[in-house]
Amino acid sequence: MKKLKKPMLIIAAVTIAVLAGACNAKTADNAADGKKQLIYGMEAEIDRVNPVLDESQEIDALLFRGLTKPDEQNEVTPDLAESWTISEDLLTYSFKLRGDAIWQDGEKVTADDVVFTLEKILDPKTNTPITGEFREIAEVRATGDYEVEIKLHRPYPPLLDKLKVGIVPEHILDGENLAESEFNRNPVGNGPFRLKKWEGDGTIVLERNEQYYGKKPKLDEVVFKPVPDANTRLVQLKAGEIDLALLTPSQVKAVKKPDPIRIHEVDTADYRAVMYNLDMEIFRDPKVRQAISLAVDRDAMVEGILAGKGEAAYGPLQKSWAANPDAGSSDSPDPGRAAELLAESGWKKNSDGILENNGMLLSFELVAPAQDTVRVALANVVSQQLKPLGIDVQPKPVDQNAVKYDGEEALVIGWGSEFDPDDHTYRLFHSSEIGGGQYNFGKYRNDEVDRLLTEARTATDWDKRKAAYAHFQEVLAEDPPYTFLVYLDALYGVNEKVTGISGRTLGHHGFGILWNIEDWDKQAD
């Protein structure tokens, strides 16, 4: 590494001091004018805000509300829809909207906005990855200014859960190309906050929406500030430059009593796994994927990488009411049985100690987003644990913006939903979700999985749904698209002056931490 010359060191020091001073000055200004401002240090910059195109951002629910919303137990409750009825054949849902919801430009939120939003999600031209969540909708129509009727192809119990998706304004977006609309950087919503400014460095400032129909937030502003480096997030938390950030397990140990931070440990449905690119011939035989799943030592990962802040993962529904505790679980690791499966599949070690089969080496790159230290560590440990078997895994950290989710040889993936079990199963493992920007990145195809996921999402009896999901998990364990590794606890560092945080089970990447933002508060200095 080159050493900086003395003049450059001075310039660098002055620059850092100026930048720190500017940031502290901005914080001081907010305190001086009496504003209660929460600054959230995000892992990545937000590119656009539009719930039709991407419903998995914390900022969405602050700006846009849906027909329903989840409560503290992740159960469905009314939001824009104040009530609804369901026909006896479970094919028609009739919603009555509240009449006091207003767009931030003063227009009323009406049934036409609901129809427009759902039709846009279903329109192939929109090219949104959430289309599959709404495919059971046959027709949606306004039956009055504040009444909406949704007709289904088949019964679809998860529908009410899906309808938490934010509604967007027809009067602004009608005729627009949603993917390219200026609206995505200048959103007009109906939620508890409204856009104040979107700065050049990616920082987004929201201010309280005084026209919001629901409970008024105690905070004046919420700031979404991109801080992709985990160590920088911790430094800024300690300095009071940000108020909220997701931390890694190793960072929690660095938080000391004098630091003005509290650690919130929250249970999640958030798992990490090795996703296989099933276009690659070396992964075609399920026995290879079974062997890898048997060989990895999950408990060692939980203790060594997560510092005990999580648990071993064996499937995608482990934290759900639909969990099948017997599917995929084993006395892991079992390298002996793993070696037997590989031998049955025709793999033998060559002179270099690497497994070979008809000229193919069992060798592949395992990509992990470089900014995610936990995923990078998991990739390294998987490589180490599989080496004695003769599997050559090459860990490959890649900038998170350069990861080709549907093109890497193998990828340390993260998923997990705290909502209905349909949420992160159908969209990930059903073959209809391959391509077109959808989420079956590994190109997984299994006819029985398709059948069971369809049965589970359309069965009207709870026990039948649970049975279908139980069987699905058994089939998935026999023909695994992923090697499931660990579930993570969400570890949020929070400014000690911030109150109101709830311990609801969270989703992928700790998603949902701001679900009750109206109750959050921040004490003045």
Protein backbone atom coordinates (compact mmCIF):
# COMPACT_ATOMS: atom_id res chain seq x y z
CA MET A 1 0.00 0.00 0.00
CA LYS A 2 1.32 3.43 -0.91
CA LYS A 3 2.03 5.83 1.93
CA LEU A 4 0.47 9.28 1.81
CA LYS A 5 2.93 12.14 1.83
CA LYS A 6 2.66 14.60 4.69
CA PRO A 7 0.80 17.34 2.74
CA MET A 8 -1.73 14.76 1.55
CA LEU A 9 -2.21 13.54 5.11
CA ILE A 10 -2.96 17.07 6.23
CA ILE A 11 -5.44 17.57 3.37
CA ALA A 12 -7.10 14.24 4.15
CA ALA A 13 -7.37 15.09 7.85
CA VAL A 14 -8.85 18.51 7.09
CA THR A 15 -11.32 16.97 4.62
CA ILE A 16 -12.49 14.39 7.15
CA ALA A 17 -12.85 17.07 9.79
CA VAL A 18 -14.87 19.28 7.46
CA LEU A 19 -17.16 16.43 6.42
CA ALA A 20 -17.66 15.31 10.02
CA GLY A 21 -18.29 18.88 11.04
CA ALA A 22 -20.83 19.36 8.28
CA CYS A 23 -22.68 16.23 9.32
CA ASN A 24 -22.59 17.17 13.01
CA ALA A 25 -23.66 20.71 12.12
CA LYS A 26 -26.65 19.35 10.23
CA THR A 27 -27.61 17.21 13.23
CA ALA A 28 -27.12 20.19 15.56
CA ASP A 29 -29.31 22.36 13.32
CA ASN A 30 -32.12 19.84 13.56
CA ALA A 31 -31.78 19.72 17.34
CA ALA A 32 -31.66 23.52 17.54
CA ASP A 33 -34.93 24.00 15.63
CA GLY A 34 -36.62 21.42 17.84
CA LYS A 35 -37.18 18.77 15.16
CA LYS A 36 -37.36 15.14 16.13
CA GLN A 37 -35.34 13.54 13.36
CA LEU A 38 -34.52 9.81 13.04
CA ILE A 39 -31.56 9.00 10.79
CA TYR A 40 -31.52 5.42 9.48
CA GLY A 41 -28.13 4.23 8.20
CA MET A 42 -29.02 1.87 5.35
CA GLU A 43 -26.91 -0.94 3.92
CA ALA A 44 -27.56 0.19 0.34
CA GLU A 45 -28.74 3.25 -1.54
CA ILE A 46 -32.36 3.39 -2.66
CA ASP A 47 -32.67 3.66 -6.45
CA ARG A 48 -36.39 4.27 -6.71
CA VAL A 49 -39.54 4.29 -4.59
CA ASN A 50 -42.59 2.61 -6.10
CA PRO A 51 -44.29 -0.31 -4.32
CA VAL A 52 -45.61 -1.70 -7.62
CA LEU A 53 -42.03 -2.28 -8.77
CA ASP A 54 -40.42 -3.35 -5.48
CA GLU A 55 -42.38 -3.87 -2.30
CA SER A 56 -39.44 -4.91 -0.09
CA GLN A 57 -38.08 -1.54 1.00
CA GLU A 58 -38.59 -0.05 4.46
CA ILE A 59 -39.31 3.36 2.96
CA ASP A 60 -42.32 2.12 0.98
CA ALA A 61 -44.71 1.72 3.92
CA LEU A 62 -43.82 5.19 5.25
CA LEU A 63 -44.99 6.74 1.97
CA PHE A 64 -47.59 4.29 0.65
CA ARG A 65 -50.24 2.28 2.47
CA GLY A 66 -52.15 -0.76 1.22
CA LEU A 67 -55.63 -2.14 1.75
CA THR A 68 -54.32 -4.16 4.69
CA LYS A 69 -51.36 -4.06 7.08
CA PRO A 70 -49.73 -6.51 9.50
CA ASP A 71 -50.02 -6.05 13.26
CA GLU A 72 -47.51 -6.97 15.98
CA GLN A 73 -48.23 -10.68 15.48
CA ASN A 74 -47.96 -10.28 11.67
CA GLU A 75 -51.70 -10.87 11.38
CA VAL A 76 -53.76 -9.04 8.74
CA THR A 77 -55.58 -5.89 9.89
CA PRO A 78 -57.47 -3.14 8.00
CA ASP A 79 -55.66 -0.11 6.58
CA LEU A 80 -57.01 1.73 3.51
CA ALA A 81 -59.76 -0.87 3.50
CA GLU A 82 -61.82 -0.37 6.64
CA SER A 83 -63.75 -3.61 6.10
CA TRP A 84 -64.34 -6.45 3.65
CA THR A 85 -66.59 -9.42 2.98
CA ILE A 86 -65.81 -12.73 1.24
CA SER A 87 -68.32 -14.73 -0.79
CA GLU A 88 -69.28 -18.25 0.26
CA ASP A 89 -67.33 -19.75 -2.64
CA LEU A 90 -64.27 -17.70 -1.53
CA LEU A 91 -63.88 -16.26 -5.03
CA THR A 92 -65.14 -12.70 -4.52
CA TYR A 93 -63.73 -10.16 -2.06
CA SER A 94 -65.63 -6.90 -1.57
CA PHE A 95 -63.74 -4.06 0.11
CA LYS A 96 -65.06 -0.84 1.61
CA LEU A 97 -62.39 1.88 1.63
CA ARG A 98 -62.08 4.58 4.25
CA GLY A 99 -63.11 7.96 2.91
CA ASP A 100 -60.54 10.15 4.65
CA ALA A 101 -57.35 8.95 2.91
CA ILE A 102 -55.72 11.70 0.84
CA TRP A 103 -52.82 11.74 -1.59
CA GLN A 104 -50.12 14.20 -0.63
CA ASP A 105 -51.18 16.50 -3.48
CA GLY A 106 -54.64 16.83 -1.94
CA GLU A 107 -56.53 14.35 -4.15
CA LYS A 108 -58.70 11.67 -2.54
CA VAL A 109 -57.59 8.04 -2.48
CA THR A 110 -60.37 6.15 -4.26
CA ALA A 111 -61.31 2.74 -5.60
CA ASP A 112 -59.91 3.74 -8.99
CA ASP A 113 -56.42 3.93 -7.44
CA VAL A 114 -56.77 0.38 -6.09
CA VAL A 115 -57.93 -0.94 -9.47
CA PHE A 116 -55.11 0.91 -11.25
CA THR A 117 -52.46 -0.44 -8.86
CA LEU A 118 -53.50 -4.09 -9.10
CA GLU A 119 -53.94 -3.93 -12.87
CA LYS A 120 -50.46 -2.45 -13.22
CA ILE A 121 -49.00 -5.25 -11.11
CA LEU A 122 -50.70 -7.82 -13.35
CA ASP A 123 -49.75 -6.07 -16.61
CA PRO A 124 -46.79 -7.92 -18.24
CA LYS A 125 -45.53 -4.57 -19.56
CA THR A 126 -44.87 -3.43 -16.00
CA ASN A 127 -42.34 -6.26 -15.59
CA THR A 128 -42.53 -6.35 -11.81
CA PRO A 129 -41.21 -9.35 -9.84
CA ILE A 130 -44.32 -9.36 -7.63
CA THR A 131 -46.74 -10.29 -10.43
CA GLY A 132 -46.81 -13.91 -9.28
CA GLU A 133 -48.21 -12.85 -5.91
CA PHE A 134 -51.40 -11.65 -7.62
CA ARG A 135 -51.90 -14.11 -10.50
CA GLU A 136 -54.97 -15.65 -8.89
CA ILE A 137 -56.83 -12.35 -9.45
CA ALA A 138 -59.20 -12.72 -12.42
CA GLU A 139 -60.75 -9.25 -12.25
CA VAL A 140 -60.66 -6.14 -10.12
CA ARG A 141 -63.22 -3.36 -10.49
CA ALA A 142 -64.55 -0.31 -8.69
CA THR A 143 -68.19 -0.72 -7.63
CA GLY A 144 -68.29 2.78 -6.13
CA ASP A 145 -65.97 5.65 -5.28
CA TYR A 146 -64.86 3.78 -2.15
CA GLU A 147 -65.79 0.20 -2.98
CA VAL A 148 -63.66 -2.42 -4.74
CA GLU A 149 -64.48 -5.95 -5.85
CA ILE A 150 -61.80 -8.55 -6.55
CA LYS A 151 -62.73 -11.80 -8.30
CA LEU A 152 -60.35 -14.79 -8.21
CA HIS A 153 -59.67 -17.70 -10.55
CA ARG A 154 -59.45 -19.99 -7.53
CA PRO A 155 -59.67 -19.54 -3.76
CA TYR A 156 -56.51 -17.81 -2.57
CA PRO A 157 -56.17 -17.56 1.23
CA PRO A 158 -52.96 -15.45 1.11
CA LEU A 159 -54.74 -12.63 -0.77
CA LEU A 160 -55.42 -10.39 2.24
CA ASP A 161 -51.77 -10.66 3.26
CA LYS A 162 -50.65 -9.69 -0.27
CA LEU A 163 -52.91 -6.64 -0.28
CA LYS A 164 -50.58 -4.83 2.10
CA VAL A 165 -48.80 -3.72 -1.09
CA GLY A 166 -48.81 0.07 -1.34
CA ILE A 167 -51.50 1.68 -3.50
CA VAL A 168 -50.25 4.26 -6.05
CA PRO A 169 -52.12 7.28 -7.54
CA GLU A 170 -53.87 6.73 -10.86
CA HIS A 171 -54.26 10.47 -11.53
CA ILE A 172 -50.46 10.85 -11.61
CA LEU A 173 -49.31 7.56 -13.13
CA ASP A 174 -52.00 6.81 -15.70
CA GLY A 175 -50.30 6.57 -19.10
CA GLU A 176 -46.80 6.56 -17.58
CA ASN A 177 -44.10 3.96 -18.13
CA LEU A 178 -43.77 2.94 -14.49
CA ALA A 179 -40.19 1.75 -14.81
CA GLU A 180 -39.02 5.10 -16.19
CA SER A 181 -41.42 7.54 -14.53
CA GLU A 182 -40.04 10.58 -12.65
CA PHE A 183 -42.54 9.57 -9.97
CA ASN A 184 -40.08 6.92 -8.77
CA ARG A 185 -37.73 9.67 -7.56
CA ASN A 186 -40.46 12.15 -6.63
CA PRO A 187 -43.16 9.94 -5.10
CA VAL A 188 -46.58 11.21 -4.04
CA GLY A 189 -47.98 8.86 -1.42
CA ASN A 190 -50.71 8.45 1.16
CA GLY A 191 -48.69 7.31 4.19
CA PRO A 192 -47.61 8.82 7.51
CA PHE A 193 -44.62 10.59 5.90
CA ARG A 194 -44.04 12.49 2.67
CA LEU A 195 -40.93 13.19 0.61
CA LYS A 196 -39.14 16.39 1.62
CA LYS A 197 -35.98 16.03 -0.47
CA TRP A 198 -33.83 13.45 -2.25
CA GLU A 199 -30.23 14.58 -2.06
CA GLY A 200 -27.46 13.95 -4.58
CA ASP A 201 -25.59 11.59 -2.26
CA GLY A 202 -28.62 9.29 -2.07
CA THR A 203 -29.90 10.57 1.27
CA ILE A 204 -33.71 10.75 1.38
CA VAL A 205 -35.45 13.03 3.87
CA LEU A 206 -39.10 12.39 4.74
CA GLU A 207 -41.27 14.72 6.78
CA ARG A 208 -44.44 13.99 8.72
CA ASN A 209 -47.56 14.00 6.55
CA GLU A 210 -50.03 16.19 8.40
CA GLN A 211 -52.87 14.94 6.14
CA TYR A 212 -52.34 11.28 7.06
CA TYR A 213 -55.60 9.58 8.02
CA GLY A 214 -54.07 7.35 10.70
CA LYS A 215 -52.20 7.88 13.92
CA LYS A 216 -49.90 10.89 13.56
CA PRO A 217 -46.17 10.09 13.94
CA LYS A 218 -44.30 11.62 16.87
CA LEU A 219 -41.19 12.09 14.73
CA ASP A 220 -40.95 15.15 12.50
CA GLU A 221 -38.56 13.59 9.99
CA VAL A 222 -37.12 10.23 9.02
CA VAL A 223 -33.88 10.25 7.03
CA PHE A 224 -32.71 7.28 4.94
CA LYS A 225 -28.94 7.66 4.63
CA PRO A 226 -26.91 5.11 2.62
CA VAL A 227 -23.95 3.80 4.67
CA PRO A 228 -22.92 0.60 2.86
CA ASP A 229 -19.82 -0.12 4.97
CA ALA A 230 -20.73 -1.93 8.20
CA ASN A 231 -17.81 -0.49 10.18
CA THR A 232 -18.76 3.03 9.14
CA ARG A 233 -22.33 2.45 10.33
CA LEU A 234 -21.06 1.51 13.78
CA VAL A 235 -18.73 4.53 13.94
CA GLN A 236 -21.57 6.86 12.97
CA LEU A 237 -23.91 5.25 15.51
CA LYS A 238 -21.39 5.81 18.27
CA ALA A 239 -20.86 9.42 17.16
CA GLY A 240 -24.60 10.11 17.07
CA GLU A 241 -24.53 10.82 13.32
CA ILE A 242 -27.14 8.13 12.69
CA ASP A 243 -29.79 6.75 15.04
CA LEU A 244 -30.55 3.30 13.63
CA ALA A 245 -28.53 0.67 11.75
CA LEU A 246 -28.37 -3.07 11.23
CA LEU A 247 -25.17 -4.44 12.76
CA THR A 248 -23.24 -7.68 12.37
CA PRO A 249 -22.76 -10.09 15.28
CA SER A 250 -19.06 -9.23 15.58
CA GLN A 251 -19.90 -5.54 15.88
CA VAL A 252 -22.20 -6.07 18.84
CA LYS A 253 -19.16 -6.99 20.93
CA ALA A 254 -17.66 -3.60 20.08
CA VAL A 255 -20.55 -1.72 21.70
CA LYS A 256 -19.53 -0.74 25.21
CA LYS A 257 -21.51 0.66 28.16
CA PRO A 258 -20.42 4.29 27.64
CA ASP A 259 -21.61 4.21 24.00
CA PRO A 260 -24.96 6.01 23.47
CA ILE A 261 -26.40 2.91 21.79
CA ARG A 262 -28.77 0.11 22.72
CA ILE A 263 -28.76 -3.20 20.87
CA HIS A 264 -32.16 -4.56 19.86
CA GLU A 265 -32.04 -8.30 19.16
CA VAL A 266 -35.13 -9.24 17.15
CA ASP A 267 -36.22 -12.68 15.95
CA THR A 268 -36.46 -13.01 12.17
CA ALA A 269 -37.44 -15.40 9.40
CA ASP A 270 -34.26 -14.31 7.58
CA TYR A 271 -32.10 -17.19 6.34
CA ARG A 272 -28.86 -17.54 4.38
CA ALA A 273 -28.27 -20.36 1.92
CA VAL A 274 -26.12 -21.50 -0.99
CA MET A 275 -28.20 -21.11 -4.17
CA TYR A 276 -27.18 -23.30 -7.09
CA ASN A 277 -27.31 -22.31 -10.75
CA LEU A 278 -29.10 -25.38 -12.05
CA ASP A 279 -28.07 -24.65 -15.62
CA MET A 280 -24.65 -25.97 -14.56
CA GLU A 281 -24.23 -29.67 -15.23
CA ILE A 282 -22.33 -30.34 -12.00
CA PHE A 283 -25.47 -29.48 -10.00
CA ARG A 284 -27.98 -31.42 -12.08
CA ASP A 285 -27.93 -34.55 -9.89
CA PRO A 286 -29.82 -33.87 -6.64
CA LYS A 287 -27.40 -36.19 -4.83
CA VAL A 288 -24.63 -33.60 -5.27
CA ARG A 289 -26.76 -30.92 -3.62
CA GLN A 290 -27.90 -33.36 -0.93
CA ALA A 291 -24.27 -34.22 -0.20
CA ILE A 292 -23.28 -30.58 0.24
CA SER A 293 -26.25 -30.04 2.55
CA LEU A 294 -25.12 -33.02 4.64
CA ALA A 295 -21.49 -31.94 4.77
CA VAL A 296 -21.80 -28.38 6.07
CA ASP A 297 -21.55 -27.74 9.81
CA ARG A 298 -24.32 -25.27 10.51
CA ASP A 299 -23.85 -25.14 14.27
CA ALA A 300 -20.23 -24.11 13.77
CA MET A 301 -21.45 -21.27 11.54
CA VAL A 302 -23.96 -20.11 14.14
CA GLU A 303 -21.36 -20.05 16.89
CA GLY A 304 -18.37 -18.86 14.88
CA ILE A 305 -19.90 -16.36 12.44
CA LEU A 306 -23.12 -15.33 14.18
CA ALA A 307 -21.72 -15.45 17.73
CA GLY A 308 -24.78 -17.48 18.69
CA LYS A 309 -27.19 -14.83 17.33
CA GLY A 310 -29.23 -17.18 15.16
CA GLU A 311 -29.83 -20.87 14.53
CA ALA A 312 -29.08 -23.64 12.03
CA ALA A 313 -31.28 -23.57 8.91
CA TYR A 314 -32.69 -26.63 7.16
CA GLY A 315 -35.51 -25.17 5.08
CA PRO A 316 -37.39 -22.02 4.04
CA LEU A 317 -40.34 -22.32 6.44
CA GLN A 318 -38.59 -23.09 9.68
CA LYS A 319 -40.01 -19.97 11.40
CA SER A 320 -43.52 -20.38 9.97
CA TRP A 321 -46.68 -22.04 11.26
CA ALA A 322 -46.23 -24.29 8.21
CA ALA A 323 -42.83 -25.61 9.32
CA ASN A 324 -42.11 -29.33 8.97
CA PRO A 325 -39.39 -29.96 11.60
CA ASP A 326 -38.48 -33.35 10.12
CA ALA A 327 -37.88 -32.16 6.56
CA GLY A 328 -34.23 -31.60 5.72
CA SER A 329 -32.97 -31.73 9.29
CA SER A 330 -30.26 -34.20 10.15
CA ASP A 331 -27.43 -34.90 12.56
CA SER A 332 -25.38 -32.50 10.48
CA PRO A 333 -22.66 -32.65 9.53
CA ASP A 334 -22.55 -36.17 8.13
CA PRO A 335 -19.51 -36.24 5.80
CA GLY A 336 -19.63 -40.03 5.59
CA ARG A 337 -23.10 -40.11 4.09
CA ALA A 338 -22.19 -37.11 1.91
CA ALA A 339 -19.24 -39.04 0.47
CA GLU A 340 -21.49 -42.03 -0.23
CA LEU A 341 -23.96 -39.89 -2.17
CA LEU A 342 -21.17 -38.36 -4.24
CA ALA A 343 -19.78 -41.81 -5.04
CA GLU A 344 -23.26 -43.02 -6.03
CA SER A 345 -23.44 -40.05 -8.39
CA GLY A 346 -20.16 -41.11 -10.07
CA TRP A 347 -17.72 -38.65 -8.51
CA LYS A 348 -14.19 -39.80 -7.65
CA LYS A 349 -11.17 -37.86 -6.40
CA ASN A 350 -8.47 -37.20 -8.97
CA SER A 351 -4.73 -36.90 -8.29
CA ASP A 352 -5.27 -33.34 -7.02
CA GLY A 353 -7.83 -34.51 -4.50
CA ILE A 354 -10.73 -32.89 -6.36
CA LEU A 355 -13.84 -34.85 -7.28
CA GLU A 356 -14.16 -35.61 -10.98
CA ASN A 357 -16.87 -37.21 -13.11
CA ASN A 358 -16.51 -37.80 -16.86
CA GLY A 359 -14.01 -35.00 -17.16
CA MET A 360 -16.02 -32.55 -15.05
CA LEU A 361 -14.54 -31.19 -11.82
CA LEU A 362 -16.77 -30.58 -8.83
CA SER A 363 -15.46 -27.06 -8.67
CA PHE A 364 -17.39 -23.78 -8.62
CA GLU A 365 -17.30 -20.14 -7.57
CA LEU A 366 -19.39 -19.17 -4.57
CA VAL A 367 -20.27 -15.48 -4.86
CA ALA A 368 -21.12 -13.30 -1.87
CA PRO A 369 -21.86 -9.56 -1.85
CA ALA A 370 -18.60 -7.99 -0.72
CA GLN A 371 -20.30 -5.43 1.54
CA ASP A 372 -22.07 -8.18 3.50
CA THR A 373 -19.42 -9.48 5.90
CA VAL A 374 -21.63 -12.30 7.18
CA ARG A 375 -22.25 -13.70 3.70
CA VAL A 376 -18.55 -13.41 2.82
CA ALA A 377 -17.67 -15.31 6.02
CA LEU A 378 -20.26 -17.99 5.23
CA ALA A 379 -18.79 -18.46 1.75
CA ASN A 380 -15.33 -18.91 3.23
CA VAL A 381 -16.49 -21.42 5.82
CA VAL A 382 -18.49 -23.44 3.27
CA SER A 383 -15.35 -23.63 1.15
CA GLN A 384 -13.28 -24.87 4.09
CA GLN A 385 -15.86 -27.43 5.20
CA LEU A 386 -16.32 -28.96 1.73
CA LYS A 387 -12.63 -29.21 0.86
CA PRO A 388 -12.03 -32.55 2.70
CA LEU A 389 -14.77 -34.12 0.56
CA GLY A 390 -12.93 -33.10 -2.61
CA ILE A 391 -15.32 -30.27 -3.51
CA ASP A 392 -13.42 -27.22 -4.72
CA VAL A 393 -15.36 -24.11 -3.73
CA GLN A 394 -13.81 -20.75 -4.60
CA PRO A 395 -15.25 -17.93 -2.47
CA LYS A 396 -15.72 -14.83 -4.60
CA PRO A 397 -16.71 -11.52 -2.96
CA VAL A 398 -18.38 -9.26 -5.53
CA ASP A 399 -19.66 -5.70 -5.18
CA GLN A 400 -23.34 -6.02 -4.34
CA ASN A 401 -24.28 -3.89 -7.34
CA ALA A 402 -22.40 -6.23 -9.69
CA VAL A 403 -23.87 -9.54 -8.47
CA LYS A 404 -25.67 -11.40 -11.28
CA TYR A 405 -28.34 -13.14 -9.25
CA ASP A 406 -29.45 -15.39 -12.09
CA GLY A 407 -26.00 -15.85 -13.63
CA GLU A 408 -23.51 -16.78 -10.91
CA GLU A 409 -22.34 -20.39 -10.52
CA ALA A 410 -23.47 -20.39 -6.89
CA LEU A 411 -24.47 -17.57 -4.59
CA VAL A 412 -24.87 -17.00 -0.86
CA ILE A 413 -28.50 -15.93 -1.05
CA GLY A 414 -30.75 -14.45 1.61
CA TRP A 415 -34.52 -14.76 1.85
CA GLY A 416 -37.22 -15.31 4.42
CA SER A 417 -40.70 -13.94 5.12
CA GLU A 418 -42.49 -13.39 8.39
CA PHE A 419 -45.87 -13.39 6.63
CA ASP A 420 -47.99 -16.10 5.00
CA PRO A 421 -45.84 -19.11 4.01
CA ASP A 422 -46.73 -18.52 0.36
CA ASP A 423 -44.70 -15.29 0.44
CA HIS A 424 -41.13 -16.54 -0.01
CA THR A 425 -41.86 -20.02 -1.36
CA TYR A 426 -43.98 -19.75 -4.50
CA ARG A 427 -41.99 -16.83 -5.89
CA LEU A 428 -38.66 -18.59 -5.23
CA PHE A 429 -39.30 -22.21 -6.13
CA HIS A 430 -42.23 -22.40 -8.57
CA SER A 431 -41.05 -22.85 -12.16
CA SER A 432 -43.40 -20.11 -13.42
CA GLU A 433 -41.22 -17.60 -11.54
CA ILE A 434 -38.13 -18.19 -13.74
CA GLY A 435 -36.91 -15.28 -15.86
CA GLY A 436 -38.38 -11.87 -16.53
CA GLY A 437 -36.80 -10.34 -13.45
CA GLN A 438 -38.63 -12.77 -11.16
CA TYR A 439 -37.06 -14.40 -8.11
CA ASN A 440 -36.46 -18.05 -9.09
CA PHE A 441 -32.87 -17.06 -9.88
CA GLY A 442 -31.44 -20.60 -9.79
CA LYS A 443 -33.88 -21.84 -12.48
CA TYR A 444 -35.27 -24.53 -10.19
CA ARG A 445 -37.83 -26.86 -11.75
CA ASN A 446 -39.68 -29.64 -9.98
CA ASP A 447 -43.19 -30.64 -11.07
CA GLU A 448 -44.14 -31.95 -7.63
CA VAL A 449 -42.97 -28.74 -5.96
CA ASP A 450 -45.04 -26.75 -8.47
CA ARG A 451 -48.11 -28.85 -7.71
CA LEU A 452 -47.71 -28.63 -3.94
CA LEU A 453 -47.08 -24.88 -3.90
CA THR A 454 -50.16 -24.29 -6.04
CA GLU A 455 -52.21 -26.58 -3.80
CA ALA A 456 -50.92 -24.84 -0.66
CA ARG A 457 -51.76 -21.35 -1.90
CA THR A 458 -55.27 -22.27 -3.09
CA ALA A 459 -56.48 -24.76 -0.45
CA THR A 460 -59.26 -23.30 1.70
CA ASP A 461 -58.74 -25.56 4.69
CA TRP A 462 -55.90 -24.60 7.06
CA ASP A 463 -54.96 -28.23 7.76
CA LYS A 464 -54.77 -28.99 4.02
CA ARG A 465 -52.51 -25.99 3.49
CA LYS A 466 -50.25 -27.11 6.32
CA ALA A 467 -50.13 -30.66 4.94
CA ALA A 468 -49.25 -29.41 1.44
CA TYR A 469 -46.44 -27.26 2.84
CA ALA A 470 -45.17 -30.17 4.94
CA HIS A 471 -44.96 -32.38 1.84
CA PHE A 472 -43.39 -29.52 -0.15
CA GLN A 473 -40.57 -29.26 2.40
CA GLU A 474 -39.92 -33.02 2.16
CA VAL A 475 -39.68 -32.87 -1.64
CA LEU A 476 -37.46 -29.79 -1.42
CA ALA A 477 -35.08 -31.66 0.89
CA GLU A 478 -34.80 -34.51 -1.63
CA ASP A 479 -34.24 -32.14 -4.56
CA PRO A 480 -32.75 -29.06 -2.88
CA PRO A 481 -32.44 -25.80 -4.85
CA TYR A 482 -30.45 -24.37 -1.93
CA THR A 483 -28.23 -25.62 0.84
CA PHE A 484 -29.77 -23.84 3.81
CA LEU A 485 -27.18 -22.61 6.29
CA VAL A 486 -28.37 -20.31 9.08
CA TYR A 487 -31.19 -18.11 10.32
CA LEU A 488 -30.06 -14.74 11.63
CA ASP A 489 -31.30 -12.64 14.51
CA ALA A 490 -31.66 -8.99 13.49
CA LEU A 491 -29.20 -6.89 15.51
CA TYR A 492 -30.14 -3.24 15.38
CA GLY A 493 -28.01 -0.56 16.95
CA VAL A 494 -30.30 2.22 18.15
CA ASN A 495 -29.59 5.63 19.61
CA GLU A 496 -30.47 5.49 23.31
CA LYS A 497 -32.76 8.52 22.86
CA VAL A 498 -35.03 6.59 20.48
CA THR A 499 -38.10 4.83 21.89
CA GLY A 500 -41.12 2.95 20.58
CA ILE A 501 -39.43 0.03 18.81
CA SER A 502 -41.49 -3.17 18.80
CA GLY A 503 -40.15 -6.72 18.82
CA ARG A 504 -42.29 -8.14 16.01
CA THR A 505 -40.72 -11.03 14.07
CA LEU A 506 -38.94 -9.46 11.10
CA GLY A 507 -38.22 -10.57 7.54
CA HIS A 508 -35.27 -10.67 5.18
CA HIS A 509 -32.43 -8.33 6.22
CA GLY A 510 -34.42 -7.38 9.31
CA PHE A 511 -37.18 -5.99 7.07
CA GLY A 512 -40.13 -4.48 8.92
CA ILE A 513 -38.28 -2.76 11.78
CA LEU A 514 -40.21 0.48 11.02
CA TRP A 515 -43.63 -1.22 10.91
CA ASN A 516 -44.92 0.88 13.84
CA ILE A 517 -43.04 4.09 12.98
CA GLU A 518 -45.99 6.17 14.24
CA ASP A 519 -45.06 5.10 17.79
CA TRP A 520 -41.36 5.91 17.53
CA ASP A 521 -40.05 8.96 19.36
CA LYS A 522 -36.75 10.63 20.05
CA GLN A 523 -35.88 12.55 23.18
CA ALA A 524 -34.49 16.04 22.81
CA ASP A 525 -30.92 16.77 23.92
